[in-house]
Amino acid sequence: MDKLDISLMYVTDDRILDKEKFFEVLNGALAGGATIIQLREKSMDSKSFIERAIKVKEMCKNYNVPLLINDRLDVALAVNADGLHIGQKDIPYKIARKFLGKDKIIGISISSQMELKAANDTGADYVGLSPIFSTSTKNEDLASPIGIGGLKKFKAISKKPIICIGGVNDINLGTIFLNGADGVAVVSAISSSTNPMNFTRNLKKIISMSKNYNINR
């Protein structure tokens, strides 16, 4: 696989209960140019999760896009996923790295500078900063968005690439990149769009324009 591109992560939406719709949205995100996929299933049983992960991995392989599993080290190992995304209450980084090995991708969720400083001391490949804006995906995050001002503060002390998560859409995407983000993770903005492929493609264009602006200014 080529050098890791974390600029546009699609996090699968476990609120999509229709299986055909789930894979239709995922395929649209991949076809539209998502650079990394995170499979997130908080309530699915292990057997169903593994079966879904196998299919998702095959789809990702067709686009040469890495697949991360959210939280579940066992599932990541079972399907030989490209990596794992872990939260603050999930399996510790050191244990995840021990089982996954040095070549797998590991991302860590953070929402405070204390958590960032701890992540800085690990071999994590990136940190997921959330919530950058209010989001309907995680209700507990609604009251405390970090915002652009907060992003700048985190960027100033981060030793890791930062992926911004929470309420990311085509309206605020450019501003996020112009203020230091290395990538974004998008859920509902893609999954609820009428045409996930075209919407993802538009996000890619905005990211490209923002990066070019940063280089030239």
N, C-alpha and C. Protein backbone atom coordinates (compact mmCIF):
# COMPACT_ATOMS: atom_id res chain seq x y z
N MET A 1 0.84 -1.20 0.00
CA MET A 1 0.00 0.00 0.00
C MET A 1 0.87 1.24 0.00
N ASP A 2 0.44 2.27 -0.70
CA ASP A 2 1.20 3.49 -0.80
C ASP A 2 1.25 4.20 0.55
N LYS A 3 1.98 5.32 0.59
CA LYS A 3 2.09 6.12 1.81
C LYS A 3 0.69 6.46 2.34
N LEU A 4 0.55 6.38 3.64
CA LEU A 4 -0.75 6.59 4.28
C LEU A 4 -1.28 8.00 4.03
N ASP A 5 -2.49 8.08 3.52
CA ASP A 5 -3.17 9.35 3.28
C ASP A 5 -4.38 9.40 4.20
N ILE A 6 -4.31 10.24 5.22
CA ILE A 6 -5.40 10.32 6.21
C ILE A 6 -6.31 11.51 5.97
N SER A 7 -6.21 12.13 4.81
CA SER A 7 -6.92 13.39 4.59
C SER A 7 -8.44 13.25 4.64
N LEU A 8 -8.97 12.11 4.17
CA LEU A 8 -10.43 11.96 4.15
C LEU A 8 -10.84 10.56 4.58
N MET A 9 -11.18 10.44 5.85
CA MET A 9 -11.63 9.16 6.41
C MET A 9 -13.16 9.11 6.40
N TYR A 10 -13.70 8.03 5.89
CA TYR A 10 -15.14 7.79 6.05
C TYR A 10 -15.32 6.77 7.17
N VAL A 11 -16.06 7.17 8.19
CA VAL A 11 -16.40 6.29 9.30
C VAL A 11 -17.79 5.75 9.03
N THR A 12 -17.92 4.43 8.91
CA THR A 12 -19.21 3.86 8.57
C THR A 12 -20.25 4.19 9.62
N ASP A 13 -21.48 4.35 9.17
CA ASP A 13 -22.58 4.80 10.02
C ASP A 13 -23.39 3.59 10.48
N ASP A 14 -23.25 3.22 11.75
CA ASP A 14 -23.96 2.04 12.25
C ASP A 14 -25.45 2.30 12.48
N ARG A 15 -25.89 3.51 12.17
CA ARG A 15 -27.33 3.80 12.22
C ARG A 15 -28.03 3.35 10.94
N ILE A 16 -27.25 3.01 9.91
CA ILE A 16 -27.84 2.49 8.67
C ILE A 16 -28.12 1.00 8.89
N LEU A 17 -29.36 0.66 9.11
CA LEU A 17 -29.73 -0.71 9.44
C LEU A 17 -29.92 -1.57 8.20
N ASP A 18 -30.25 -0.94 7.08
CA ASP A 18 -30.42 -1.69 5.84
C ASP A 18 -29.05 -2.06 5.26
N LYS A 19 -28.78 -3.36 5.14
CA LYS A 19 -27.46 -3.83 4.71
C LYS A 19 -27.11 -3.33 3.31
N GLU A 20 -28.07 -3.39 2.39
CA GLU A 20 -27.81 -2.94 1.02
C GLU A 20 -27.45 -1.46 0.99
N LYS A 21 -28.17 -0.66 1.77
CA LYS A 21 -27.89 0.78 1.85
C LYS A 21 -26.51 1.03 2.46
N PHE A 22 -26.16 0.26 3.48
CA PHE A 22 -24.86 0.40 4.14
C PHE A 22 -23.73 0.26 3.13
N PHE A 23 -23.78 -0.80 2.34
CA PHE A 23 -22.70 -1.05 1.39
C PHE A 23 -22.77 -0.10 0.19
N GLU A 24 -23.95 0.36 -0.13
CA GLU A 24 -24.11 1.34 -1.21
C GLU A 24 -23.41 2.65 -0.83
N VAL A 25 -23.62 3.10 0.40
CA VAL A 25 -22.98 4.33 0.87
C VAL A 25 -21.46 4.15 0.93
N LEU A 26 -21.03 3.02 1.46
CA LEU A 26 -19.59 2.74 1.54
C LEU A 26 -18.95 2.74 0.17
N ASN A 27 -19.58 2.09 -0.79
CA ASN A 27 -19.02 2.06 -2.14
C ASN A 27 -18.96 3.46 -2.74
N GLY A 28 -19.98 4.28 -2.44
CA GLY A 28 -19.97 5.66 -2.92
C GLY A 28 -18.82 6.45 -2.34
N ALA A 29 -18.57 6.26 -1.04
CA ALA A 29 -17.45 6.96 -0.39
C ALA A 29 -16.12 6.53 -1.00
N LEU A 30 -15.96 5.25 -1.26
CA LEU A 30 -14.73 4.74 -1.86
C LEU A 30 -14.57 5.25 -3.28
N ALA A 31 -15.63 5.17 -4.05
CA ALA A 31 -15.57 5.62 -5.44
C ALA A 31 -15.34 7.13 -5.53
N GLY A 32 -15.83 7.86 -4.52
CA GLY A 32 -15.67 9.30 -4.51
C GLY A 32 -14.30 9.77 -4.07
N GLY A 33 -13.50 8.86 -3.49
CA GLY A 33 -12.13 9.22 -3.15
C GLY A 33 -11.77 9.22 -1.69
N ALA A 34 -12.58 8.59 -0.83
CA ALA A 34 -12.19 8.46 0.58
C ALA A 34 -10.82 7.78 0.64
N THR A 35 -9.93 8.29 1.48
CA THR A 35 -8.56 7.77 1.51
C THR A 35 -8.33 6.71 2.57
N ILE A 36 -9.28 6.57 3.48
CA ILE A 36 -9.16 5.57 4.55
C ILE A 36 -10.56 5.31 5.10
N ILE A 37 -10.84 4.07 5.45
CA ILE A 37 -12.16 3.69 5.96
C ILE A 37 -12.02 3.17 7.39
N GLN A 38 -12.94 3.62 8.25
CA GLN A 38 -13.00 3.08 9.62
C GLN A 38 -14.36 2.40 9.79
N LEU A 39 -14.32 1.11 10.05
CA LEU A 39 -15.55 0.35 10.26
C LEU A 39 -15.92 0.40 11.74
N ARG A 40 -17.05 1.03 12.01
CA ARG A 40 -17.49 1.27 13.39
C ARG A 40 -18.83 0.58 13.62
N GLU A 41 -18.85 -0.40 14.50
CA GLU A 41 -20.08 -1.12 14.83
C GLU A 41 -20.13 -1.31 16.34
N LYS A 42 -20.88 -0.47 17.02
CA LYS A 42 -20.89 -0.49 18.48
C LYS A 42 -21.85 -1.52 19.08
N SER A 43 -22.83 -1.99 18.31
CA SER A 43 -23.82 -2.89 18.90
C SER A 43 -23.92 -4.23 18.18
N MET A 44 -23.11 -4.47 17.16
CA MET A 44 -23.18 -5.70 16.38
C MET A 44 -22.44 -6.83 17.10
N ASP A 45 -22.99 -8.04 17.04
CA ASP A 45 -22.32 -9.19 17.65
C ASP A 45 -21.05 -9.53 16.88
N SER A 46 -20.16 -10.26 17.52
CA SER A 46 -18.83 -10.51 16.95
C SER A 46 -18.88 -11.21 15.61
N LYS A 47 -19.72 -12.23 15.48
CA LYS A 47 -19.82 -12.99 14.23
C LYS A 47 -20.25 -12.08 13.09
N SER A 48 -21.29 -11.29 13.32
CA SER A 48 -21.79 -10.39 12.28
C SER A 48 -20.77 -9.31 11.94
N PHE A 49 -20.08 -8.83 12.97
CA PHE A 49 -19.06 -7.79 12.77
C PHE A 49 -17.94 -8.33 11.88
N ILE A 50 -17.47 -9.53 12.18
CA ILE A 50 -16.39 -10.13 11.39
C ILE A 50 -16.83 -10.37 9.95
N GLU A 51 -18.05 -10.87 9.78
CA GLU A 51 -18.56 -11.10 8.42
C GLU A 51 -18.63 -9.80 7.64
N ARG A 52 -19.10 -8.75 8.30
CA ARG A 52 -19.17 -7.44 7.63
C ARG A 52 -17.77 -6.93 7.33
N ALA A 53 -16.86 -7.08 8.27
CA ALA A 53 -15.49 -6.59 8.09
C ALA A 53 -14.80 -7.27 6.92
N ILE A 54 -15.06 -8.55 6.73
CA ILE A 54 -14.46 -9.28 5.60
C ILE A 54 -14.91 -8.67 4.28
N LYS A 55 -16.21 -8.38 4.17
CA LYS A 55 -16.72 -7.78 2.94
C LYS A 55 -16.20 -6.36 2.75
N VAL A 56 -16.17 -5.59 3.83
CA VAL A 56 -15.68 -4.21 3.74
C VAL A 56 -14.20 -4.20 3.34
N LYS A 57 -13.44 -5.12 3.89
CA LYS A 57 -12.02 -5.20 3.55
C LYS A 57 -11.83 -5.47 2.06
N GLU A 58 -12.64 -6.36 1.51
CA GLU A 58 -12.54 -6.68 0.09
C GLU A 58 -12.87 -5.45 -0.76
N MET A 59 -13.88 -4.69 -0.36
CA MET A 59 -14.24 -3.47 -1.08
C MET A 59 -13.11 -2.46 -1.01
N CYS A 60 -12.53 -2.31 0.17
CA CYS A 60 -11.42 -1.36 0.33
C CYS A 60 -10.21 -1.77 -0.52
N LYS A 61 -9.97 -3.07 -0.57
CA LYS A 61 -8.84 -3.59 -1.36
C LYS A 61 -8.99 -3.22 -2.83
N ASN A 62 -10.21 -3.24 -3.33
CA ASN A 62 -10.46 -2.90 -4.73
C ASN A 62 -10.07 -1.46 -5.05
N TYR A 63 -10.07 -0.60 -4.04
CA TYR A 63 -9.71 0.81 -4.23
C TYR A 63 -8.34 1.14 -3.64
N ASN A 64 -7.64 0.13 -3.15
CA ASN A 64 -6.34 0.32 -2.51
C ASN A 64 -6.42 1.32 -1.35
N VAL A 65 -7.48 1.17 -0.56
CA VAL A 65 -7.74 2.05 0.58
C VAL A 65 -7.64 1.22 1.87
N PRO A 66 -6.89 1.69 2.86
CA PRO A 66 -6.76 0.92 4.10
C PRO A 66 -8.04 0.89 4.93
N LEU A 67 -8.23 -0.22 5.62
CA LEU A 67 -9.38 -0.40 6.50
C LEU A 67 -8.93 -0.45 7.95
N LEU A 68 -9.52 0.41 8.76
CA LEU A 68 -9.32 0.39 10.21
C LEU A 68 -10.59 -0.14 10.87
N ILE A 69 -10.43 -0.87 11.94
CA ILE A 69 -11.56 -1.31 12.75
C ILE A 69 -11.63 -0.43 13.98
N ASN A 70 -12.82 0.02 14.32
CA ASN A 70 -13.01 0.83 15.51
C ASN A 70 -13.10 -0.07 16.74
N ASP A 71 -12.20 0.18 17.70
CA ASP A 71 -12.30 -0.41 19.04
C ASP A 71 -11.90 -1.88 19.13
N ARG A 72 -12.41 -2.73 18.24
CA ARG A 72 -12.35 -4.18 18.40
C ARG A 72 -11.05 -4.80 17.86
N LEU A 73 -10.09 -4.98 18.74
CA LEU A 73 -8.82 -5.60 18.36
C LEU A 73 -9.04 -7.01 17.82
N ASP A 74 -9.97 -7.75 18.43
CA ASP A 74 -10.21 -9.12 17.99
C ASP A 74 -10.69 -9.18 16.54
N VAL A 75 -11.54 -8.25 16.18
CA VAL A 75 -12.04 -8.20 14.80
C VAL A 75 -10.93 -7.80 13.84
N ALA A 76 -10.14 -6.81 14.25
CA ALA A 76 -9.01 -6.37 13.42
C ALA A 76 -8.06 -7.52 13.14
N LEU A 77 -7.79 -8.32 14.16
CA LEU A 77 -6.91 -9.47 13.99
C LEU A 77 -7.56 -10.57 13.15
N ALA A 78 -8.84 -10.78 13.37
CA ALA A 78 -9.55 -11.86 12.67
C ALA A 78 -9.57 -11.65 11.16
N VAL A 79 -9.69 -10.41 10.72
CA VAL A 79 -9.78 -10.14 9.28
C VAL A 79 -8.48 -9.57 8.71
N ASN A 80 -7.46 -9.47 9.57
CA ASN A 80 -6.18 -8.89 9.15
C ASN A 80 -6.39 -7.49 8.55
N ALA A 81 -7.11 -6.66 9.30
CA ALA A 81 -7.35 -5.29 8.87
C ALA A 81 -6.04 -4.51 8.85
N ASP A 82 -6.06 -3.36 8.22
CA ASP A 82 -4.85 -2.54 8.12
C ASP A 82 -4.54 -1.81 9.42
N GLY A 83 -5.51 -1.78 10.31
CA GLY A 83 -5.24 -1.11 11.58
C GLY A 83 -6.45 -1.02 12.48
N LEU A 84 -6.31 -0.22 13.52
CA LEU A 84 -7.29 -0.12 14.58
C LEU A 84 -7.39 1.33 15.05
N HIS A 85 -8.62 1.76 15.33
CA HIS A 85 -8.82 3.07 15.96
C HIS A 85 -9.34 2.83 17.36
N ILE A 86 -8.66 3.40 18.35
CA ILE A 86 -9.04 3.15 19.75
C ILE A 86 -9.40 4.44 20.47
N GLY A 87 -10.40 4.33 21.35
CA GLY A 87 -10.81 5.44 22.18
C GLY A 87 -10.11 5.40 23.52
N GLN A 88 -10.40 6.38 24.35
CA GLN A 88 -9.75 6.47 25.66
C GLN A 88 -10.15 5.35 26.61
N LYS A 89 -11.31 4.74 26.37
CA LYS A 89 -11.78 3.66 27.24
C LYS A 89 -11.62 2.29 26.59
N ASP A 90 -10.98 2.26 25.43
CA ASP A 90 -10.77 1.00 24.72
C ASP A 90 -9.46 0.36 25.16
N ILE A 91 -9.05 -0.66 24.45
CA ILE A 91 -7.81 -1.36 24.77
C ILE A 91 -6.62 -0.40 24.74
N PRO A 92 -5.70 -0.47 25.69
CA PRO A 92 -4.55 0.44 25.71
C PRO A 92 -3.68 0.31 24.45
N TYR A 93 -3.06 1.41 24.07
CA TYR A 93 -2.24 1.44 22.87
C TYR A 93 -1.16 0.36 22.88
N LYS A 94 -0.44 0.22 23.99
CA LYS A 94 0.68 -0.72 24.05
C LYS A 94 0.24 -2.16 23.77
N ILE A 95 -0.92 -2.52 24.29
CA ILE A 95 -1.42 -3.88 24.06
C ILE A 95 -1.85 -4.04 22.60
N ALA A 96 -2.53 -3.02 22.08
CA ALA A 96 -2.94 -3.07 20.67
C ALA A 96 -1.73 -3.22 19.76
N ARG A 97 -0.69 -2.46 20.02
CA ARG A 97 0.52 -2.51 19.19
C ARG A 97 1.21 -3.87 19.32
N LYS A 98 1.22 -4.41 20.52
CA LYS A 98 1.85 -5.71 20.75
C LYS A 98 1.22 -6.79 19.87
N PHE A 99 -0.10 -6.78 19.78
CA PHE A 99 -0.79 -7.81 19.01
C PHE A 99 -0.81 -7.50 17.51
N LEU A 100 -0.92 -6.23 17.15
CA LEU A 100 -1.03 -5.87 15.74
C LEU A 100 0.32 -5.85 15.03
N GLY A 101 1.37 -5.55 15.78
CA GLY A 101 2.69 -5.45 15.16
C GLY A 101 3.00 -4.02 14.74
N LYS A 102 4.25 -3.81 14.37
CA LYS A 102 4.72 -2.44 14.12
C LYS A 102 4.22 -1.83 12.82
N ASP A 103 3.76 -2.66 11.88
CA ASP A 103 3.39 -2.14 10.56
C ASP A 103 1.93 -1.74 10.43
N LYS A 104 1.11 -2.08 11.40
CA LYS A 104 -0.31 -1.74 11.32
C LYS A 104 -0.55 -0.29 11.78
N ILE A 105 -1.63 0.28 11.28
CA ILE A 105 -2.02 1.65 11.61
C ILE A 105 -2.80 1.65 12.92
N ILE A 106 -2.45 2.55 13.82
CA ILE A 106 -3.23 2.72 15.05
C ILE A 106 -3.49 4.21 15.27
N GLY A 107 -4.76 4.55 15.42
CA GLY A 107 -5.15 5.91 15.75
C GLY A 107 -5.78 5.96 17.13
N ILE A 108 -5.63 7.08 17.80
CA ILE A 108 -6.15 7.24 19.16
C ILE A 108 -7.07 8.46 19.24
N SER A 109 -8.26 8.27 19.79
CA SER A 109 -9.18 9.39 20.01
C SER A 109 -8.70 10.25 21.17
N ILE A 110 -8.78 11.56 20.99
CA ILE A 110 -8.45 12.49 22.07
C ILE A 110 -9.48 13.61 22.10
N SER A 111 -9.69 14.18 23.29
CA SER A 111 -10.57 15.34 23.39
C SER A 111 -10.05 16.35 24.40
N SER A 112 -8.84 16.11 24.91
CA SER A 112 -8.23 17.05 25.85
C SER A 112 -6.73 17.11 25.58
N GLN A 113 -6.10 18.18 26.04
CA GLN A 113 -4.66 18.32 25.85
C GLN A 113 -3.89 17.28 26.66
N MET A 114 -4.44 16.86 27.78
CA MET A 114 -3.81 15.82 28.58
C MET A 114 -3.77 14.51 27.78
N GLU A 115 -4.87 14.19 27.12
CA GLU A 115 -4.92 12.98 26.31
C GLU A 115 -3.98 13.07 25.12
N LEU A 116 -3.88 14.27 24.54
CA LEU A 116 -2.95 14.46 23.42
C LEU A 116 -1.51 14.25 23.87
N LYS A 117 -1.15 14.81 25.01
CA LYS A 117 0.22 14.66 25.51
C LYS A 117 0.56 13.20 25.75
N ALA A 118 -0.41 12.43 26.24
CA ALA A 118 -0.19 10.99 26.44
C ALA A 118 -0.01 10.29 25.09
N ALA A 119 -0.83 10.67 24.11
CA ALA A 119 -0.74 10.06 22.78
C ALA A 119 0.57 10.42 22.10
N ASN A 120 1.07 11.63 22.37
CA ASN A 120 2.36 12.05 21.80
C ASN A 120 3.49 11.09 22.16
N ASP A 121 3.36 10.46 23.32
CA ASP A 121 4.43 9.58 23.81
C ASP A 121 4.28 8.14 23.33
N THR A 122 3.29 7.88 22.48
CA THR A 122 3.10 6.54 21.92
C THR A 122 3.60 6.52 20.47
N GLY A 123 3.51 5.35 19.88
CA GLY A 123 3.86 5.22 18.46
C GLY A 123 2.64 5.28 17.57
N ALA A 124 1.57 5.92 18.05
CA ALA A 124 0.34 6.02 17.25
C ALA A 124 0.61 6.76 15.95
N ASP A 125 -0.14 6.39 14.92
CA ASP A 125 0.06 6.99 13.60
C ASP A 125 -0.68 8.32 13.45
N TYR A 126 -1.73 8.51 14.22
CA TYR A 126 -2.47 9.77 14.19
C TYR A 126 -3.32 9.86 15.45
N VAL A 127 -3.83 11.06 15.72
CA VAL A 127 -4.83 11.23 16.77
C VAL A 127 -6.12 11.75 16.14
N GLY A 128 -7.23 11.29 16.68
CA GLY A 128 -8.54 11.76 16.23
C GLY A 128 -9.08 12.74 17.24
N LEU A 129 -9.11 14.01 16.87
CA LEU A 129 -9.55 15.08 17.77
C LEU A 129 -11.05 15.28 17.64
N SER A 130 -11.76 15.11 18.75
CA SER A 130 -13.22 15.24 18.69
C SER A 130 -13.80 15.76 20.01
N PRO A 131 -14.99 16.41 19.88
CA PRO A 131 -15.66 16.77 18.64
C PRO A 131 -15.20 18.15 18.17
N ILE A 132 -14.83 18.28 16.94
CA ILE A 132 -14.43 19.59 16.44
C ILE A 132 -15.64 20.53 16.37
N PHE A 133 -16.78 19.96 15.96
CA PHE A 133 -18.06 20.68 16.00
C PHE A 133 -19.11 19.76 16.62
N SER A 134 -20.28 20.29 16.91
CA SER A 134 -21.37 19.47 17.44
C SER A 134 -21.74 18.40 16.42
N THR A 135 -22.08 17.23 16.93
CA THR A 135 -22.36 16.10 16.05
C THR A 135 -23.53 15.30 16.57
N SER A 136 -24.27 14.70 15.65
CA SER A 136 -25.39 13.85 16.03
C SER A 136 -24.96 12.40 16.22
N THR A 137 -23.70 12.09 15.85
CA THR A 137 -23.23 10.71 15.93
C THR A 137 -22.93 10.29 17.36
N LYS A 138 -22.36 11.22 18.16
CA LYS A 138 -22.04 10.91 19.55
C LYS A 138 -22.72 11.95 20.44
N ASN A 139 -23.82 11.55 21.06
CA ASN A 139 -24.62 12.50 21.83
C ASN A 139 -23.85 13.11 23.00
N GLU A 140 -22.92 12.36 23.57
CA GLU A 140 -22.20 12.87 24.73
C GLU A 140 -21.27 14.02 24.36
N ASP A 141 -21.00 14.19 23.06
CA ASP A 141 -20.08 15.23 22.63
C ASP A 141 -20.77 16.56 22.32
N LEU A 142 -22.10 16.55 22.29
CA LEU A 142 -22.82 17.70 21.77
C LEU A 142 -22.54 18.99 22.53
N ALA A 143 -22.31 18.91 23.83
CA ALA A 143 -22.20 20.12 24.64
C ALA A 143 -20.82 20.76 24.60
N SER A 144 -19.82 20.08 24.06
CA SER A 144 -18.47 20.62 24.19
C SER A 144 -17.64 20.53 22.92
N PRO A 145 -18.08 21.17 21.85
CA PRO A 145 -17.25 21.18 20.64
C PRO A 145 -15.95 21.95 20.86
N ILE A 146 -14.87 21.45 20.29
CA ILE A 146 -13.56 22.07 20.46
C ILE A 146 -13.41 23.33 19.62
N GLY A 147 -13.96 23.30 18.41
CA GLY A 147 -13.93 24.49 17.55
C GLY A 147 -12.57 24.74 16.92
N ILE A 148 -12.55 25.73 16.04
CA ILE A 148 -11.32 26.06 15.31
C ILE A 148 -10.25 26.62 16.24
N GLY A 149 -10.66 27.43 17.20
CA GLY A 149 -9.70 27.98 18.16
C GLY A 149 -9.01 26.87 18.94
N GLY A 150 -9.80 25.87 19.33
CA GLY A 150 -9.23 24.73 20.04
C GLY A 150 -8.30 23.92 19.17
N LEU A 151 -8.68 23.74 17.90
CA LEU A 151 -7.83 23.00 16.96
C LEU A 151 -6.44 23.62 16.88
N LYS A 152 -6.38 24.93 16.80
CA LYS A 152 -5.08 25.62 16.72
C LYS A 152 -4.22 25.31 17.94
N LYS A 153 -4.84 25.28 19.11
CA LYS A 153 -4.09 25.00 20.35
C LYS A 153 -3.57 23.57 20.36
N PHE A 154 -4.40 22.64 19.91
CA PHE A 154 -3.97 21.25 19.86
C PHE A 154 -2.86 21.07 18.83
N LYS A 155 -3.00 21.73 17.70
CA LYS A 155 -1.99 21.61 16.63
C LYS A 155 -0.63 22.09 17.12
N ALA A 156 -0.63 23.12 17.94
CA ALA A 156 0.62 23.72 18.41
C ALA A 156 1.45 22.76 19.27
N ILE A 157 0.79 21.80 19.92
CA ILE A 157 1.53 20.90 20.81
C ILE A 157 1.52 19.45 20.34
N SER A 158 0.90 19.19 19.20
CA SER A 158 0.79 17.80 18.74
C SER A 158 2.04 17.33 18.01
N LYS A 159 2.47 16.13 18.33
CA LYS A 159 3.57 15.48 17.62
C LYS A 159 3.02 14.47 16.60
N LYS A 160 1.71 14.40 16.53
CA LYS A 160 1.03 13.44 15.66
C LYS A 160 0.16 14.17 14.64
N PRO A 161 -0.05 13.57 13.48
CA PRO A 161 -1.05 14.12 12.56
C PRO A 161 -2.42 14.13 13.23
N ILE A 162 -3.19 15.17 12.97
CA ILE A 162 -4.50 15.32 13.61
C ILE A 162 -5.62 15.12 12.59
N ILE A 163 -6.52 14.19 12.91
CA ILE A 163 -7.75 14.02 12.15
C ILE A 163 -8.88 14.61 12.98
N CYS A 164 -9.62 15.54 12.42
CA CYS A 164 -10.74 16.16 13.13
C CYS A 164 -12.02 15.37 12.90
N ILE A 165 -12.73 15.13 13.97
CA ILE A 165 -13.94 14.32 13.94
C ILE A 165 -15.08 15.09 14.61
N GLY A 166 -16.28 14.97 14.04
CA GLY A 166 -17.45 15.54 14.67
C GLY A 166 -18.04 16.72 13.93
N GLY A 167 -19.18 16.52 13.30
CA GLY A 167 -19.87 17.60 12.62
C GLY A 167 -19.18 18.13 11.39
N VAL A 168 -18.27 17.35 10.80
CA VAL A 168 -17.53 17.80 9.61
C VAL A 168 -18.43 17.69 8.39
N ASN A 169 -18.49 18.77 7.61
CA ASN A 169 -19.29 18.75 6.38
C ASN A 169 -18.63 19.61 5.31
N ASP A 170 -19.30 19.77 4.18
CA ASP A 170 -18.71 20.52 3.07
C ASP A 170 -18.64 22.01 3.35
N ILE A 171 -19.36 22.50 4.33
CA ILE A 171 -19.34 23.93 4.65
C ILE A 171 -18.13 24.29 5.50
N ASN A 172 -17.81 23.46 6.49
CA ASN A 172 -16.71 23.80 7.41
C ASN A 172 -15.39 23.11 7.08
N LEU A 173 -15.40 22.23 6.10
CA LEU A 173 -14.21 21.43 5.78
C LEU A 173 -12.98 22.26 5.46
N GLY A 174 -13.15 23.26 4.59
CA GLY A 174 -12.02 24.09 4.20
C GLY A 174 -11.40 24.81 5.38
N THR A 175 -12.23 25.33 6.26
CA THR A 175 -11.74 26.05 7.44
C THR A 175 -10.94 25.13 8.35
N ILE A 176 -11.37 23.89 8.47
CA ILE A 176 -10.66 22.92 9.31
C ILE A 176 -9.24 22.70 8.79
N PHE A 177 -9.11 22.50 7.48
CA PHE A 177 -7.78 22.27 6.90
C PHE A 177 -6.92 23.53 6.93
N LEU A 178 -7.53 24.67 6.73
CA LEU A 178 -6.77 25.92 6.73
C LEU A 178 -6.22 26.25 8.12
N ASN A 179 -6.75 25.60 9.14
CA ASN A 179 -6.31 25.88 10.51
C ASN A 179 -5.55 24.72 11.15
N GLY A 180 -4.98 23.87 10.32
CA GLY A 180 -4.01 22.92 10.84
C GLY A 180 -4.34 21.45 10.81
N ALA A 181 -5.56 21.08 10.43
CA ALA A 181 -5.90 19.65 10.41
C ALA A 181 -5.12 18.93 9.31
N ASP A 182 -4.75 17.70 9.59
CA ASP A 182 -4.10 16.85 8.60
C ASP A 182 -5.12 15.96 7.89
N GLY A 183 -6.28 15.84 8.51
CA GLY A 183 -7.32 15.02 7.92
C GLY A 183 -8.64 15.25 8.64
N VAL A 184 -9.69 14.69 8.07
CA VAL A 184 -11.01 14.75 8.71
C VAL A 184 -11.64 13.37 8.65
N ALA A 185 -12.49 13.10 9.61
CA ALA A 185 -13.30 11.88 9.60
C ALA A 185 -14.75 12.30 9.45
N VAL A 186 -15.42 11.75 8.47
CA VAL A 186 -16.78 12.14 8.14
C VAL A 186 -17.71 10.94 8.29
N VAL A 187 -18.85 11.17 8.91
CA VAL A 187 -19.84 10.10 9.07
C VAL A 187 -21.13 10.51 8.36
N SER A 188 -21.99 11.22 9.07
CA SER A 188 -23.35 11.47 8.58
C SER A 188 -23.41 12.38 7.36
N ALA A 189 -22.45 13.28 7.20
CA ALA A 189 -22.48 14.16 6.02
C ALA A 189 -22.41 13.34 4.74
N ILE A 190 -21.67 12.23 4.77
CA ILE A 190 -21.60 11.34 3.62
C ILE A 190 -22.78 10.37 3.62
N SER A 191 -23.03 9.74 4.76
CA SER A 191 -24.05 8.68 4.80
C SER A 191 -25.46 9.20 4.54
N SER A 192 -25.72 10.46 4.86
CA SER A 192 -27.06 11.02 4.66
C SER A 192 -27.20 11.80 3.36
N SER A 193 -26.13 11.89 2.58
CA SER A 193 -26.20 12.64 1.32
C SER A 193 -26.98 11.84 0.29
N THR A 194 -27.57 12.53 -0.66
CA THR A 194 -28.36 11.85 -1.69
C THR A 194 -27.48 11.10 -2.68
N ASN A 195 -26.23 11.54 -2.82
CA ASN A 195 -25.29 10.87 -3.71
C ASN A 195 -23.92 10.82 -3.02
N PRO A 196 -23.67 9.77 -2.23
CA PRO A 196 -22.42 9.69 -1.47
C PRO A 196 -21.16 9.83 -2.32
N MET A 197 -21.16 9.27 -3.52
CA MET A 197 -19.98 9.36 -4.37
C MET A 197 -19.68 10.80 -4.76
N ASN A 198 -20.69 11.50 -5.25
CA ASN A 198 -20.48 12.90 -5.66
C ASN A 198 -20.15 13.79 -4.48
N PHE A 199 -20.79 13.52 -3.34
CA PHE A 199 -20.53 14.33 -2.15
C PHE A 199 -19.09 14.13 -1.69
N THR A 200 -18.63 12.88 -1.66
CA THR A 200 -17.25 12.60 -1.26
C THR A 200 -16.27 13.22 -2.24
N ARG A 201 -16.60 13.15 -3.51
CA ARG A 201 -15.74 13.74 -4.54
C ARG A 201 -15.62 15.26 -4.32
N ASN A 202 -16.71 15.88 -3.93
CA ASN A 202 -16.69 17.32 -3.66
C ASN A 202 -15.82 17.64 -2.44
N LEU A 203 -15.90 16.79 -1.42
CA LEU A 203 -15.04 16.97 -0.24
C LEU A 203 -13.57 16.90 -0.64
N LYS A 204 -13.24 15.96 -1.51
CA LYS A 204 -11.86 15.82 -1.99
C LYS A 204 -11.37 17.10 -2.67
N LYS A 205 -12.25 17.70 -3.46
CA LYS A 205 -11.88 18.94 -4.16
C LYS A 205 -11.61 20.06 -3.17
N ILE A 206 -12.46 20.16 -2.15
CA ILE A 206 -12.28 21.20 -1.14
C ILE A 206 -10.96 20.99 -0.39
N ILE A 207 -10.66 19.75 -0.05
CA ILE A 207 -9.40 19.44 0.63
C ILE A 207 -8.21 19.83 -0.23
N SER A 208 -8.26 19.48 -1.49
CA SER A 208 -7.17 19.80 -2.41
C SER A 208 -6.96 21.30 -2.52
N MET A 209 -8.05 22.04 -2.64
CA MET A 209 -7.97 23.51 -2.74
C MET A 209 -7.39 24.10 -1.46
N SER A 210 -7.80 23.58 -0.31
CA SER A 210 -7.31 24.09 0.98
C SER A 210 -5.82 23.82 1.14
N LYS A 211 -5.39 22.63 0.75
CA LYS A 211 -3.97 22.29 0.85
C LYS A 211 -3.13 23.17 -0.07
N ASN A 212 -3.61 23.39 -1.27
CA ASN A 212 -2.88 24.25 -2.22
C ASN A 212 -2.79 25.68 -1.71
N TYR A 213 -3.86 26.15 -1.06
CA TYR A 213 -3.86 27.50 -0.51
C TYR A 213 -2.82 27.62 0.60
N ASN A 214 -2.76 26.59 1.46
CA ASN A 214 -1.78 26.60 2.55
C ASN A 214 -0.35 26.61 2.03
N ILE A 215 -0.10 25.89 0.94
CA ILE A 215 1.24 25.82 0.36
C ILE A 215 1.64 27.16 -0.23
N ASN A 216 0.70 27.83 -0.87
CA ASN A 216 1.01 29.04 -1.63
C ASN A 216 0.95 30.33 -0.83
N ARG A 217 0.35 30.31 0.36
CA ARG A 217 0.21 31.58 1.09
C ARG A 217 1.46 31.92 1.90
